[in-house]
């Protein structure tokens, strides 16, 4: 009997959908597993919009599109060579380089406990 899903999608390793793995790293909701690394497809110049897309030298990744260095869309901040939404990026929460803990999400520029990752933090033991 066939075991295809109703949507016709698969969870193969060739997909760019965010995924978790029992053998690889556990990615945050804003990251995608590309190979063995968790990346943000909206801002990673080596994986811009897709795991297989790298921006040319001199370009950065902004909102999943390669753009000239130093040009960020409104609402984004240039952190190093990446345009970052510091209101939602757990690696640059509220400002460049401000890392949230693994069990936290970045909401409105603040690191907050993520109940989906650690149910015990939300009163469920």
C-alpha atoms as a PDB file:
ATOM      1  CA  UNK A   1       0.000   0.000   0.000  1.00  0.00           C
ATOM      2  CA  UNK A   2       1.196   3.526  -0.764  1.00  0.00           C
ATOM      3  CA  UNK A   3       2.197   5.842   2.037  1.00  0.00           C
ATOM      4  CA  UNK A   4       2.069   9.227   0.290  1.00  0.00           C
ATOM      5  CA  UNK A   5       0.792  12.161   2.274  1.00  0.00           C
ATOM      6  CA  UNK A   6      -2.436  13.902   1.340  1.00  0.00           C
ATOM      7  CA  UNK A   7      -0.597  17.071   0.341  1.00  0.00           C
ATOM      8  CA  UNK A   8       1.806  15.206  -1.914  1.00  0.00           C
ATOM      9  CA  UNK A   9       4.847  16.567  -0.093  1.00  0.00           C
ATOM     10  CA  UNK A  10       7.546  14.457   1.413  1.00  0.00           C
ATOM     11  CA  UNK A  11       9.958  14.867   4.286  1.00  0.00           C
ATOM     12  CA  UNK A  12      13.033  13.876   2.276  1.00  0.00           C
ATOM     13  CA  UNK A  13      16.345  15.550   3.015  1.00  0.00           C
ATOM     14  CA  UNK A  14      16.182  17.428  -0.303  1.00  0.00           C
ATOM     15  CA  UNK A  15      13.365  19.692   0.851  1.00  0.00           C
ATOM     16  CA  UNK A  16      13.996  23.271   1.992  1.00  0.00           C
ATOM     17  CA  UNK A  17      11.171  23.135   4.527  1.00  0.00           C
ATOM     18  CA  UNK A  18      12.162  23.606   8.147  1.00  0.00           C
ATOM     19  CA  UNK A  19      12.753  20.265   9.753  1.00  0.00           C
ATOM     20  CA  UNK A  20      13.940  18.596  12.892  1.00  0.00           C
ATOM     21  CA  UNK A  21      16.128  15.547  12.930  1.00  0.00           C
ATOM     22  CA  UNK A  22      17.025  12.912  15.462  1.00  0.00           C
ATOM     23  CA  UNK A  23      20.550  12.768  14.017  1.00  0.00           C
ATOM     24  CA  UNK A  24      21.186  16.433  13.183  1.00  0.00           C
ATOM     25  CA  UNK A  25      20.711  19.748  14.936  1.00  0.00           C
ATOM     26  CA  UNK A  26      17.287  20.897  16.103  1.00  0.00           C
ATOM     27  CA  UNK A  27      16.516  24.098  14.220  1.00  0.00           C
ATOM     28  CA  UNK A  28      14.497  26.973  15.614  1.00  0.00           C
ATOM     29  CA  UNK A  29      11.180  27.796  13.887  1.00  0.00           C
ATOM     30  CA  UNK A  30      12.858  30.582  11.864  1.00  0.00           C
ATOM     31  CA  UNK A  31      15.640  28.285  10.614  1.00  0.00           C
ATOM     32  CA  UNK A  32      15.885  25.544   7.999  1.00  0.00           C
ATOM     33  CA  UNK A  33      18.167  22.513   8.077  1.00  0.00           C
ATOM     34  CA  UNK A  34      20.512  22.754   5.066  1.00  0.00           C
ATOM     35  CA  UNK A  35      22.843  19.778   5.128  1.00  0.00           C
ATOM     36  CA  UNK A  36      23.953  19.667   8.753  1.00  0.00           C
ATOM     37  CA  UNK A  37      23.514  23.374   9.576  1.00  0.00           C
ATOM     38  CA  UNK A  38      20.503  25.391  10.711  1.00  0.00           C
ATOM     39  CA  UNK A  39      20.250  28.523   8.568  1.00  0.00           C
ATOM     40  CA  UNK A  40      17.870  31.434   8.076  1.00  0.00           C
ATOM     41  CA  UNK A  41      16.916  31.358   4.386  1.00  0.00           C
ATOM     42  CA  UNK A  42      15.797  34.995   4.641  1.00  0.00           C
ATOM     43  CA  UNK A  43      19.234  36.336   5.612  1.00  0.00           C
ATOM     44  CA  UNK A  44      21.984  33.750   4.984  1.00  0.00           C
ATOM     45  CA  UNK A  45      24.039  34.751   1.908  1.00  0.00           C
ATOM     46  CA  UNK A  46      25.225  31.147   1.470  1.00  0.00           C
ATOM     47  CA  UNK A  47      21.622  29.829   1.518  1.00  0.00           C
ATOM     48  CA  UNK A  48      19.492  32.730   0.257  1.00  0.00           C
ATOM     49  CA  UNK A  49      15.846  31.756  -0.220  1.00  0.00           C
ATOM     50  CA  UNK A  50      16.871  28.117  -0.744  1.00  0.00           C
ATOM     51  CA  UNK A  51      19.543  25.788   0.600  1.00  0.00           C
ATOM     52  CA  UNK A  52      21.191  25.609  -2.841  1.00  0.00           C
ATOM     53  CA  UNK A  53      21.306  29.377  -3.591  1.00  0.00           C
ATOM     54  CA  UNK A  54      24.401  31.405  -2.676  1.00  0.00           C
ATOM     55  CA  UNK A  55      24.646  35.143  -3.342  1.00  0.00           C
ATOM     56  CA  UNK A  56      27.459  36.462  -5.531  1.00  0.00           C
ATOM     57  CA  UNK A  57      30.456  38.130  -3.877  1.00  0.00           C
ATOM     58  CA  UNK A  58      29.495  41.673  -2.874  1.00  0.00           C
ATOM     59  CA  UNK A  59      25.835  40.781  -2.404  1.00  0.00           C
ATOM     60  CA  UNK A  60      23.944  39.973   0.792  1.00  0.00           C
ATOM     61  CA  UNK A  61      20.691  38.117   1.426  1.00  0.00           C
ATOM     62  CA  UNK A  62      17.666  40.222   2.374  1.00  0.00           C
ATOM     63  CA  UNK A  63      14.240  38.601   2.747  1.00  0.00           C
ATOM     64  CA  UNK A  64      15.453  35.595   0.737  1.00  0.00           C
ATOM     65  CA  UNK A  65      16.741  37.696  -2.181  1.00  0.00           C
ATOM     66  CA  UNK A  66      20.346  38.540  -3.077  1.00  0.00           C
ATOM     67  CA  UNK A  67      20.858  42.329  -3.056  1.00  0.00           C
ATOM     68  CA  UNK A  68      23.891  44.661  -3.170  1.00  0.00           C
ATOM     69  CA  UNK A  69      25.785  44.870   0.134  1.00  0.00           C
ATOM     70  CA  UNK A  70      24.546  47.582   2.495  1.00  0.00           C
ATOM     71  CA  UNK A  71      21.020  47.688   1.049  1.00  0.00           C
ATOM     72  CA  UNK A  72      18.420  46.330   3.472  1.00  0.00           C
ATOM     73  CA  UNK A  73      14.665  46.370   3.118  1.00  0.00           C
ATOM     74  CA  UNK A  74      12.756  48.679   5.505  1.00  0.00           C
ATOM     75  CA  UNK A  75      12.504  47.176   8.981  1.00  0.00           C
ATOM     76  CA  UNK A  76      15.761  45.236   8.628  1.00  0.00           C
ATOM     77  CA  UNK A  77      19.158  46.051  10.151  1.00  0.00           C
ATOM     78  CA  UNK A  78      22.541  45.328   8.571  1.00  0.00           C
ATOM     79  CA  UNK A  79      24.372  42.978  10.968  1.00  0.00           C
ATOM     80  CA  UNK A  80      27.762  42.150   9.477  1.00  0.00           C
ATOM     81  CA  UNK A  81      26.901  41.091   5.945  1.00  0.00           C
ATOM     82  CA  UNK A  82      23.267  40.103   6.588  1.00  0.00           C
ATOM     83  CA  UNK A  83      20.011  42.062   6.653  1.00  0.00           C
ATOM     84  CA  UNK A  84      18.321  40.969   9.876  1.00  0.00           C
ATOM     85  CA  UNK A  85      14.867  41.460  11.395  1.00  0.00           C
ATOM     86  CA  UNK A  86      16.121  42.156  14.929  1.00  0.00           C
ATOM     87  CA  UNK A  87      12.539  41.992  16.213  1.00  0.00           C
ATOM     88  CA  UNK A  88      12.346  38.251  15.416  1.00  0.00           C
ATOM     89  CA  UNK A  89      15.874  36.826  14.908  1.00  0.00           C
ATOM     90  CA  UNK A  90      16.978  34.694  17.897  1.00  0.00           C
ATOM     91  CA  UNK A  91      20.649  35.295  17.000  1.00  0.00           C
ATOM     92  CA  UNK A  92      20.254  39.085  16.819  1.00  0.00           C
ATOM     93  CA  UNK A  93      17.307  39.765  19.119  1.00  0.00           C
ATOM     94  CA  UNK A  94      16.797  43.484  19.646  1.00  0.00           C
ATOM     95  CA  UNK A  95      20.206  44.201  18.099  1.00  0.00           C
ATOM     96  CA  UNK A  96      23.123  42.677  16.229  1.00  0.00           C
ATOM     97  CA  UNK A  97      24.812  39.829  18.094  1.00  0.00           C
ATOM     98  CA  UNK A  98      22.273  39.529  20.931  1.00  0.00           C
ATOM     99  CA  UNK A  99      21.711  35.743  21.110  1.00  0.00           C
ATOM    100  CA  UNK A 100      18.656  34.214  22.752  1.00  0.00           C
ATOM    101  CA  UNK A 101      19.082  30.918  24.604  1.00  0.00           C
ATOM    102  CA  UNK A 102      18.185  27.790  22.604  1.00  0.00           C
ATOM    103  CA  UNK A 103      14.877  27.432  24.477  1.00  0.00           C
ATOM    104  CA  UNK A 104      13.873  31.037  23.741  1.00  0.00           C
ATOM    105  CA  UNK A 105      12.275  32.786  20.778  1.00  0.00           C
ATOM    106  CA  UNK A 106      12.762  36.394  19.761  1.00  0.00           C
ATOM    107  CA  UNK A 107       9.456  38.255  19.958  1.00  0.00           C
ATOM    108  CA  UNK A 108       9.294  42.020  19.397  1.00  0.00           C
ATOM    109  CA  UNK A 109      13.057  42.247  19.985  1.00  0.00           C
ATOM    110  CA  UNK A 110      12.948  40.379  23.320  1.00  0.00           C
ATOM    111  CA  UNK A 111      14.088  36.842  24.163  1.00  0.00           C
ATOM    112  CA  UNK A 112      11.165  34.907  25.664  1.00  0.00           C
ATOM    113  CA  UNK A 113      10.797  31.285  26.799  1.00  0.00           C
ATOM    114  CA  UNK A 114       9.513  29.060  23.990  1.00  0.00           C
ATOM    115  CA  UNK A 115       6.766  26.788  25.321  1.00  0.00           C
ATOM    116  CA  UNK A 116       6.821  24.659  22.170  1.00  0.00           C
ATOM    117  CA  UNK A 117      10.442  23.654  22.810  1.00  0.00           C
ATOM    118  CA  UNK A 118      10.289  23.238  26.594  1.00  0.00           C
ATOM    119  CA  UNK A 119       6.801  22.439  27.879  1.00  0.00           C
ATOM    120  CA  UNK A 120       8.047  22.227  31.477  1.00  0.00           C
ATOM    121  CA  UNK A 121       8.816  25.963  31.379  1.00  0.00           C
ATOM    122  CA  UNK A 122       5.129  26.601  30.855  1.00  0.00           C
ATOM    123  CA  UNK A 123       3.889  24.607  33.831  1.00  0.00           C
ATOM    124  CA  UNK A 124       3.568  21.235  32.096  1.00  0.00           C
ATOM    125  CA  UNK A 125       5.791  18.645  33.767  1.00  0.00           C
END
